[in-house]
Protein backbone atom coordinates (compact mmCIF):
# COMPACT_ATOMS: atom_id res chain seq x y z
CA UNK A 1 -110.76 186.46 6.70
CA UNK A 2 -110.77 185.28 10.50
CA UNK A 3 -107.65 183.88 12.11
CA UNK A 4 -106.30 180.90 12.38
CA UNK A 5 -107.59 179.93 9.22
CA UNK A 6 -106.98 176.95 7.17
CA UNK A 7 -107.13 177.19 3.32
CA UNK A 8 -106.71 174.32 0.61
CA UNK A 9 -106.78 173.53 -3.13
CA UNK A 10 -106.02 170.58 -5.05
CA UNK A 11 -102.74 170.96 -6.59
CA UNK A 12 -101.42 168.02 -8.33
CA UNK A 13 -102.13 164.15 -8.71
CA UNK A 14 -99.73 161.07 -8.62
CA UNK A 15 -100.82 158.47 -11.02
CA UNK A 16 -98.73 155.37 -11.05
CA UNK A 17 -98.92 152.85 -14.18
CA UNK A 18 -98.39 149.17 -15.29
CA UNK A 19 -99.03 147.76 -18.62
CA UNK A 20 -99.56 151.12 -19.98
CA UNK A 21 -102.56 151.74 -17.57
CA UNK A 22 -102.89 153.42 -14.57
CA UNK A 23 -103.13 151.25 -11.33
CA UNK A 24 -103.03 154.10 -8.63
CA UNK A 25 -104.18 157.76 -8.41
CA UNK A 26 -103.91 159.67 -5.50
CA UNK A 27 -104.70 163.35 -5.62
CA UNK A 28 -102.25 166.16 -3.84
CA UNK A 29 -103.69 169.35 -2.04
CA UNK A 30 -101.94 172.28 -0.79
CA UNK A 31 -102.88 173.21 2.75
CA UNK A 32 -102.09 176.75 4.10
CA UNK A 33 -102.39 177.29 7.68
CA UNK A 34 -102.60 181.12 8.52
CA UNK A 35 -102.54 182.40 11.92
CA UNK A 36 -101.40 185.64 13.36
CA UNK A 37 -99.52 183.92 16.15
CA UNK A 38 -95.83 183.13 15.28
CA UNK A 39 -95.93 179.83 17.81
CA UNK A 40 -99.51 178.26 16.76
CA UNK A 41 -99.81 174.69 17.35
CA UNK A 42 -102.11 174.08 14.45
CA UNK A 43 -99.22 173.97 11.88
CA UNK A 44 -97.95 170.94 14.40
CA UNK A 45 -101.15 169.40 14.03
CA UNK A 46 -101.71 169.47 10.52
CA UNK A 47 -97.92 168.01 9.97
CA UNK A 48 -98.96 164.82 11.93
CA UNK A 49 -101.62 164.14 9.38
CA UNK A 50 -100.99 160.94 7.24
CA UNK A 51 -99.13 161.66 3.76
CA UNK A 52 -98.61 165.14 4.95
CA UNK A 53 -95.31 166.93 3.91
CA UNK A 54 -94.31 170.75 5.09
CA UNK A 55 -93.44 172.63 2.06
CA UNK A 56 -92.75 176.13 3.12
CA UNK A 57 -93.39 179.17 5.79
CA UNK A 58 -93.70 182.92 4.79
CA UNK A 59 -95.07 186.07 6.51
CA UNK A 60 -97.13 188.30 4.67
CA UNK A 61 -98.82 191.39 6.22
CA UNK A 62 -98.07 190.00 9.91
CA UNK A 63 -99.86 186.74 9.20
CA UNK A 64 -97.62 183.49 9.50
CA UNK A 65 -98.37 180.94 6.56
CA UNK A 66 -97.18 177.34 7.17
CA UNK A 67 -97.85 175.58 3.51
CA UNK A 68 -98.18 171.72 3.42
CA UNK A 69 -98.35 169.24 0.52
CA UNK A 70 -101.14 166.31 1.66
CA UNK A 71 -101.92 163.26 -0.44
CA UNK A 72 -105.04 162.08 -0.32
């Protein structure tokens, strides 16, 4: 894999119900920004996307991972 990289996968969905029927269904994606740079600007740009929340940060094998949840 080449860095920086963004990896995403569908993680969950939020369904709202009224009168026992779904009226809203929104998919949640887990988005991971991976970069060798500790102070990369990419996570800041991802964090500004609508319906995006920061989840966690971790480092593995010298690569910094910033994980976000995005509803779309």
